[in-house]
Amino acid sequence: MKASELRKLNAKELNAKLKDLKQELFNLRFQHAINQLDNPHKITDVKRDIARVLTILQEKAAEEANA
């Protein structure tokens, strides 16, 4: 997921996306623990997506504080 796509979303949609990504990360970690995960690199990708969403949420909060 690209940051430019995430910047188009509002805060409510970003929070929903964050919740979905955290659930996906939990599921991937569980699959990895029981050796059913085919691509372990997917965990890293989801962690980076979570970081992107959190960063954009902070940027939007800072914009509101300055406005």
PDB file of N, CA and C in Angstrom:
ATOM      1  N   MET A   1       0.824  -1.171   0.000  1.00  0.00           N
ATOM      2  CA  MET A   1       0.000   0.000   0.000  1.00  0.00           C
ATOM      3  C   MET A   1       0.877   1.247   0.000  1.00  0.00           C
ATOM      4  N   LYS A   2       0.533   2.180  -0.835  1.00  0.00           N
ATOM      5  CA  LYS A   2       1.337   3.385  -0.954  1.00  0.00           C
ATOM      6  C   LYS A   2       0.822   4.477  -0.031  1.00  0.00           C
ATOM      7  N   ALA A   3       1.733   5.322   0.406  1.00  0.00           N
ATOM      8  CA  ALA A   3       1.371   6.415   1.299  1.00  0.00           C
ATOM      9  C   ALA A   3       0.432   7.392   0.602  1.00  0.00           C
ATOM     10  N   SER A   4       0.594   7.580  -0.696  1.00  0.00           N
ATOM     11  CA  SER A   4      -0.278   8.504  -1.423  1.00  0.00           C
ATOM     12  C   SER A   4      -1.723   8.019  -1.409  1.00  0.00           C
ATOM     13  N   GLU A   5      -1.925   6.710  -1.450  1.00  0.00           N
ATOM     14  CA  GLU A   5      -3.278   6.155  -1.366  1.00  0.00           C
ATOM     15  C   GLU A   5      -3.861   6.391   0.023  1.00  0.00           C
ATOM     16  N   LEU A   6      -3.029   6.250   1.038  1.00  0.00           N
ATOM     17  CA  LEU A   6      -3.494   6.413   2.412  1.00  0.00           C
ATOM     18  C   LEU A   6      -3.821   7.867   2.729  1.00  0.00           C
ATOM     19  N   ARG A   7      -3.102   8.806   2.123  1.00  0.00           N
ATOM     20  CA  ARG A   7      -3.339  10.221   2.396  1.00  0.00           C
ATOM     21  C   ARG A   7      -4.701  10.681   1.888  1.00  0.00           C
ATOM     22  N   LYS A   8      -5.281   9.940   0.951  1.00  0.00           N
ATOM     23  CA  LYS A   8      -6.593  10.290   0.411  1.00  0.00           C
ATOM     24  C   LYS A   8      -7.724   9.921   1.375  1.00  0.00           C
ATOM     25  N   LEU A   9      -7.430   9.054   2.348  1.00  0.00           N
ATOM     26  CA  LEU A   9      -8.445   8.594   3.290  1.00  0.00           C
ATOM     27  C   LEU A   9      -8.583   9.578   4.451  1.00  0.00           C
ATOM     28  N   ASN A  10      -9.757   9.594   5.073  1.00  0.00           N
ATOM     29  CA  ASN A  10      -9.927  10.444   6.256  1.00  0.00           C
ATOM     30  C   ASN A  10      -9.518   9.651   7.501  1.00  0.00           C
ATOM     31  N   ALA A  11      -9.561  10.305   8.639  1.00  0.00           N
ATOM     32  CA  ALA A  11      -9.065   9.693   9.876  1.00  0.00           C
ATOM     33  C   ALA A  11      -9.871   8.455  10.265  1.00  0.00           C
ATOM     34  N   LYS A  12     -11.176   8.499  10.059  1.00  0.00           N
ATOM     35  CA  LYS A  12     -12.018   7.360  10.417  1.00  0.00           C
ATOM     36  C   LYS A  12     -11.673   6.137   9.569  1.00  0.00           C
ATOM     37  N   GLU A  13     -11.465   6.359   8.272  1.00  0.00           N
ATOM     38  CA  GLU A  13     -11.095   5.258   7.380  1.00  0.00           C
ATOM     39  C   GLU A  13      -9.703   4.725   7.712  1.00  0.00           C
ATOM     40  N   LEU A  14      -8.796   5.629   8.095  1.00  0.00           N
ATOM     41  CA  LEU A  14      -7.443   5.202   8.464  1.00  0.00           C
ATOM     42  C   LEU A  14      -7.467   4.341   9.727  1.00  0.00           C
ATOM     43  N   ASN A  15      -8.303   4.723  10.686  1.00  0.00           N
ATOM     44  CA  ASN A  15      -8.407   3.918  11.910  1.00  0.00           C
ATOM     45  C   ASN A  15      -8.979   2.537  11.610  1.00  0.00           C
ATOM     46  N   ALA A  16      -9.932   2.464  10.694  1.00  0.00           N
ATOM     47  CA  ALA A  16     -10.489   1.163  10.306  1.00  0.00           C
ATOM     48  C   ALA A  16      -9.425   0.330   9.598  1.00  0.00           C
ATOM     49  N   LYS A  17      -8.642   0.965   8.745  1.00  0.00           N
ATOM     50  CA  LYS A  17      -7.561   0.274   8.034  1.00  0.00           C
ATOM     51  C   LYS A  17      -6.521  -0.236   9.032  1.00  0.00           C
ATOM     52  N   LEU A  18      -6.214   0.578  10.030  1.00  0.00           N
ATOM     53  CA  LEU A  18      -5.247   0.186  11.053  1.00  0.00           C
ATOM     54  C   LEU A  18      -5.736  -1.043  11.815  1.00  0.00           C
ATOM     55  N   LYS A  19      -7.007  -1.051  12.149  1.00  0.00           N
ATOM     56  CA  LYS A  19      -7.576  -2.198  12.862  1.00  0.00           C
ATOM     57  C   LYS A  19      -7.474  -3.460  12.007  1.00  0.00           C
ATOM     58  N   ASP A  20      -7.786  -3.342  10.720  1.00  0.00           N
ATOM     59  CA  ASP A  20      -7.697  -4.492   9.811  1.00  0.00           C
ATOM     60  C   ASP A  20      -6.260  -5.003   9.685  1.00  0.00           C
ATOM     61  N   LEU A  21      -5.313  -4.069   9.578  1.00  0.00           N
ATOM     62  CA  LEU A  21      -3.908  -4.465   9.444  1.00  0.00           C
ATOM     63  C   LEU A  21      -3.399  -5.159  10.709  1.00  0.00           C
ATOM     64  N   LYS A  22      -3.805  -4.680  11.867  1.00  0.00           N
ATOM     65  CA  LYS A  22      -3.380  -5.319  13.115  1.00  0.00           C
ATOM     66  C   LYS A  22      -3.954  -6.727  13.228  1.00  0.00           C
ATOM     67  N   GLN A  23      -5.197  -6.900  12.789  1.00  0.00           N
ATOM     68  CA  GLN A  23      -5.805  -8.232  12.793  1.00  0.00           C
ATOM     69  C   GLN A  23      -5.070  -9.154  11.824  1.00  0.00           C
ATOM     70  N   GLU A  24      -4.712  -8.619  10.653  1.00  0.00           N
ATOM     71  CA  GLU A  24      -3.973  -9.412   9.669  1.00  0.00           C
ATOM     72  C   GLU A  24      -2.607  -9.810  10.216  1.00  0.00           C
ATOM     73  N   LEU A  25      -1.935  -8.881  10.904  1.00  0.00           N
ATOM     74  CA  LEU A  25      -0.635  -9.185  11.495  1.00  0.00           C
ATOM     75  C   LEU A  25      -0.760 -10.289  12.538  1.00  0.00           C
ATOM     76  N   PHE A  26      -1.790 -10.224  13.355  1.00  0.00           N
ATOM     77  CA  PHE A  26      -2.023 -11.272  14.348  1.00  0.00           C
ATOM     78  C   PHE A  26      -2.189 -12.630  13.664  1.00  0.00           C
ATOM     79  N   ASN A  27      -3.009 -12.658  12.616  1.00  0.00           N
ATOM     80  CA  ASN A  27      -3.237 -13.913  11.904  1.00  0.00           C
ATOM     81  C   ASN A  27      -1.959 -14.446  11.261  1.00  0.00           C
ATOM     82  N   LEU A  28      -1.159 -13.548  10.694  1.00  0.00           N
ATOM     83  CA  LEU A  28       0.097 -13.981  10.068  1.00  0.00           C
ATOM     84  C   LEU A  28       1.060 -14.537  11.110  1.00  0.00           C
ATOM     85  N   ARG A  29       1.144 -13.890  12.263  1.00  0.00           N
ATOM     86  CA  ARG A  29       2.027 -14.379  13.326  1.00  0.00           C
ATOM     87  C   ARG A  29       1.567 -15.744  13.817  1.00  0.00           C
ATOM     88  N   PHE A  30       0.256 -15.915  13.910  1.00  0.00           N
ATOM     89  CA  PHE A  30      -0.282 -17.200  14.343  1.00  0.00           C
ATOM     90  C   PHE A  30       0.055 -18.288  13.323  1.00  0.00           C
ATOM     91  N   GLN A  31      -0.137 -17.990  12.043  1.00  0.00           N
ATOM     92  CA  GLN A  31       0.191 -18.958  10.993  1.00  0.00           C
ATOM     93  C   GLN A  31       1.678 -19.287  11.010  1.00  0.00           C
ATOM     94  N   HIS A  32       2.505 -18.274  11.252  1.00  0.00           N
ATOM     95  CA  HIS A  32       3.953 -18.492  11.295  1.00  0.00           C
ATOM     96  C   HIS A  32       4.330 -19.396  12.477  1.00  0.00           C
ATOM     97  N   ALA A  33       3.646 -19.227  13.589  1.00  0.00           N
ATOM     98  CA  ALA A  33       3.947 -20.016  14.787  1.00  0.00           C
ATOM     99  C   ALA A  33       3.626 -21.489  14.585  1.00  0.00           C
ATOM    100  N   ILE A  34       2.607 -21.781  13.797  1.00  0.00           N
ATOM    101  CA  ILE A  34       2.242 -23.184  13.580  1.00  0.00           C
ATOM    102  C   ILE A  34       2.734 -23.685  12.218  1.00  0.00           C
ATOM    103  N   ASN A  35       3.672 -22.967  11.633  1.00  0.00           N
ATOM    104  CA  ASN A  35       4.363 -23.363  10.396  1.00  0.00           C
ATOM    105  C   ASN A  35       3.421 -23.540   9.207  1.00  0.00           C
ATOM    106  N   GLN A  36       2.443 -22.655   9.079  1.00  0.00           N
ATOM    107  CA  GLN A  36       1.559 -22.697   7.929  1.00  0.00           C
ATOM    108  C   GLN A  36       1.712 -21.470   7.028  1.00  0.00           C
ATOM    109  N   LEU A  37       2.646 -20.603   7.360  1.00  0.00           N
ATOM    110  CA  LEU A  37       2.831 -19.381   6.581  1.00  0.00           C
ATOM    111  C   LEU A  37       3.787 -19.655   5.424  1.00  0.00           C
ATOM    112  N   ASP A  38       3.305 -19.411   4.198  1.00  0.00           N
ATOM    113  CA  ASP A  38       4.123 -19.674   3.014  1.00  0.00           C
ATOM    114  C   ASP A  38       5.176 -18.594   2.794  1.00  0.00           C
ATOM    115  N   ASN A  39       4.821 -17.336   3.042  1.00  0.00           N
ATOM    116  CA  ASN A  39       5.723 -16.227   2.774  1.00  0.00           C
ATOM    117  C   ASN A  39       5.918 -15.396   4.048  1.00  0.00           C
ATOM    118  N   PRO A  40       6.986 -15.653   4.810  1.00  0.00           N
ATOM    119  CA  PRO A  40       7.204 -14.913   6.051  1.00  0.00           C
ATOM    120  C   PRO A  40       7.479 -13.420   5.831  1.00  0.00           C
ATOM    121  N   HIS A  41       7.859 -13.038   4.615  1.00  0.00           N
ATOM    122  CA  HIS A  41       8.123 -11.626   4.322  1.00  0.00           C
ATOM    123  C   HIS A  41       6.843 -10.804   4.406  1.00  0.00           C
ATOM    124  N   LYS A  42       5.705 -11.455   4.308  1.00  0.00           N
ATOM    125  CA  LYS A  42       4.412 -10.767   4.391  1.00  0.00           C
ATOM    126  C   LYS A  42       4.249 -10.082   5.745  1.00  0.00           C
ATOM    127  N   ILE A  43       4.814 -10.666   6.802  1.00  0.00           N
ATOM    128  CA  ILE A  43       4.746 -10.064   8.137  1.00  0.00           C
ATOM    129  C   ILE A  43       5.418  -8.689   8.115  1.00  0.00           C
ATOM    130  N   THR A  44       6.576  -8.607   7.510  1.00  0.00           N
ATOM    131  CA  THR A  44       7.306  -7.351   7.409  1.00  0.00           C
ATOM    132  C   THR A  44       6.508  -6.321   6.621  1.00  0.00           C
ATOM    133  N   ASP A  45       5.884  -6.749   5.539  1.00  0.00           N
ATOM    134  CA  ASP A  45       5.083  -5.835   4.720  1.00  0.00           C
ATOM    135  C   ASP A  45       3.917  -5.252   5.516  1.00  0.00           C
ATOM    136  N   VAL A  46       3.256  -6.086   6.288  1.00  0.00           N
ATOM    137  CA  VAL A  46       2.113  -5.620   7.071  1.00  0.00           C
ATOM    138  C   VAL A  46       2.583  -4.660   8.167  1.00  0.00           C
ATOM    139  N   LYS A  47       3.713  -4.945   8.801  1.00  0.00           N
ATOM    140  CA  LYS A  47       4.255  -4.039   9.820  1.00  0.00           C
ATOM    141  C   LYS A  47       4.555  -2.669   9.218  1.00  0.00           C
ATOM    142  N   ARG A  48       5.096  -2.653   8.013  1.00  0.00           N
ATOM    143  CA  ARG A  48       5.399  -1.377   7.357  1.00  0.00           C
ATOM    144  C   ARG A  48       4.122  -0.625   7.001  1.00  0.00           C
ATOM    145  N   ASP A  49       3.094  -1.354   6.587  1.00  0.00           N
ATOM    146  CA  ASP A  49       1.814  -0.712   6.289  1.00  0.00           C
ATOM    147  C   ASP A  49       1.210  -0.093   7.547  1.00  0.00           C
ATOM    148  N   ILE A  50       1.339  -0.794   8.672  1.00  0.00           N
ATOM    149  CA  ILE A  50       0.856  -0.254   9.945  1.00  0.00           C
ATOM    150  C   ILE A  50       1.606   1.033  10.281  1.00  0.00           C
ATOM    151  N   ALA A  51       2.910   1.035  10.097  1.00  0.00           N
ATOM    152  CA  ALA A  51       3.714   2.225  10.375  1.00  0.00           C
ATOM    153  C   ALA A  51       3.305   3.383   9.462  1.00  0.00           C
ATOM    154  N   ARG A  52       3.013   3.087   8.200  1.00  0.00           N
ATOM    155  CA  ARG A  52       2.573   4.136   7.282  1.00  0.00           C
ATOM    156  C   ARG A  52       1.260   4.757   7.743  1.00  0.00           C
ATOM    157  N   VAL A  53       0.323   3.913   8.136  1.00  0.00           N
ATOM    158  CA  VAL A  53      -0.978   4.417   8.588  1.00  0.00           C
ATOM    159  C   VAL A  53      -0.804   5.279   9.833  1.00  0.00           C
ATOM    160  N   LEU A  54      -0.004   4.818  10.786  1.00  0.00           N
ATOM    161  CA  LEU A  54       0.216   5.585  12.009  1.00  0.00           C
ATOM    162  C   LEU A  54       0.882   6.925  11.712  1.00  0.00           C
ATOM    163  N   THR A  55       1.829   6.936  10.796  1.00  0.00           N
ATOM    164  CA  THR A  55       2.516   8.170  10.423  1.00  0.00           C
ATOM    165  C   THR A  55       1.540   9.169   9.819  1.00  0.00           C
ATOM    166  N   ILE A  56       0.688   8.700   8.931  1.00  0.00           N
ATOM    167  CA  ILE A  56      -0.262   9.594   8.277  1.00  0.00           C
ATOM    168  C   ILE A  56      -1.307  10.094   9.273  1.00  0.00           C
ATOM    169  N   LEU A  57      -1.713   9.243  10.211  1.00  0.00           N
ATOM    170  CA  LEU A  57      -2.629   9.700  11.261  1.00  0.00           C
ATOM    171  C   LEU A  57      -1.992  10.816  12.099  1.00  0.00           C
ATOM    172  N   GLN A  58      -0.717  10.687  12.405  1.00  0.00           N
ATOM    173  CA  GLN A  58      -0.019  11.729  13.157  1.00  0.00           C
ATOM    174  C   GLN A  58       0.086  13.013  12.344  1.00  0.00           C
ATOM    175  N   GLU A  59       0.339  12.895  11.041  1.00  0.00           N
ATOM    176  CA  GLU A  59       0.419  14.079  10.192  1.00  0.00           C
ATOM    177  C   GLU A  59      -0.918  14.803  10.166  1.00  0.00           C
ATOM    178  N   LYS A  60      -2.011  14.060  10.043  1.00  0.00           N
ATOM    179  CA  LYS A  60      -3.336  14.664  10.010  1.00  0.00           C
ATOM    180  C   LYS A  60      -3.668  15.322  11.345  1.00  0.00           C
ATOM    181  N   ALA A  61      -3.260  14.714  12.451  1.00  0.00           N
ATOM    182  CA  ALA A  61      -3.486  15.310  13.766  1.00  0.00           C
ATOM    183  C   ALA A  61      -2.695  16.602  13.921  1.00  0.00           C
ATOM    184  N   ALA A  62      -1.478  16.640  13.413  1.00  0.00           N
ATOM    185  CA  ALA A  62      -0.653  17.840  13.488  1.00  0.00           C
ATOM    186  C   ALA A  62      -1.245  18.954  12.627  1.00  0.00           C
ATOM    187  N   GLU A  63      -1.804  18.606  11.482  1.00  0.00           N
ATOM    188  CA  GLU A  63      -2.433  19.607  10.618  1.00  0.00           C
ATOM    189  C   GLU A  63      -3.634  20.227  11.313  1.00  0.00           C
ATOM    190  N   GLU A  64      -4.426  19.407  11.986  1.00  0.00           N
ATOM    191  CA  GLU A  64      -5.587  19.923  12.699  1.00  0.00           C
ATOM    192  C   GLU A  64      -5.185  20.813  13.876  1.00  0.00           C
ATOM    193  N   ALA A  65      -4.095  20.448  14.527  1.00  0.00           N
ATOM    194  CA  ALA A  65      -3.637  21.228  15.669  1.00  0.00           C
ATOM    195  C   ALA A  65      -3.131  22.604  15.216  1.00  0.00           C
ATOM    196  N   ASN A  66      -2.516  22.659  14.050  1.00  0.00           N
ATOM    197  CA  ASN A  66      -1.973  23.911  13.536  1.00  0.00           C
ATOM    198  C   ASN A  66      -3.045  24.772  12.890  1.00  0.00           C
ATOM    199  N   ALA A  67      -4.126  24.174  12.482  1.00  0.00           N
ATOM    200  CA  ALA A  67      -5.156  24.946  11.769  1.00  0.00           C
ATOM    201  C   ALA A  67      -6.082  25.698  12.691  1.00  0.00           C
TER     202      ALA A  67
END
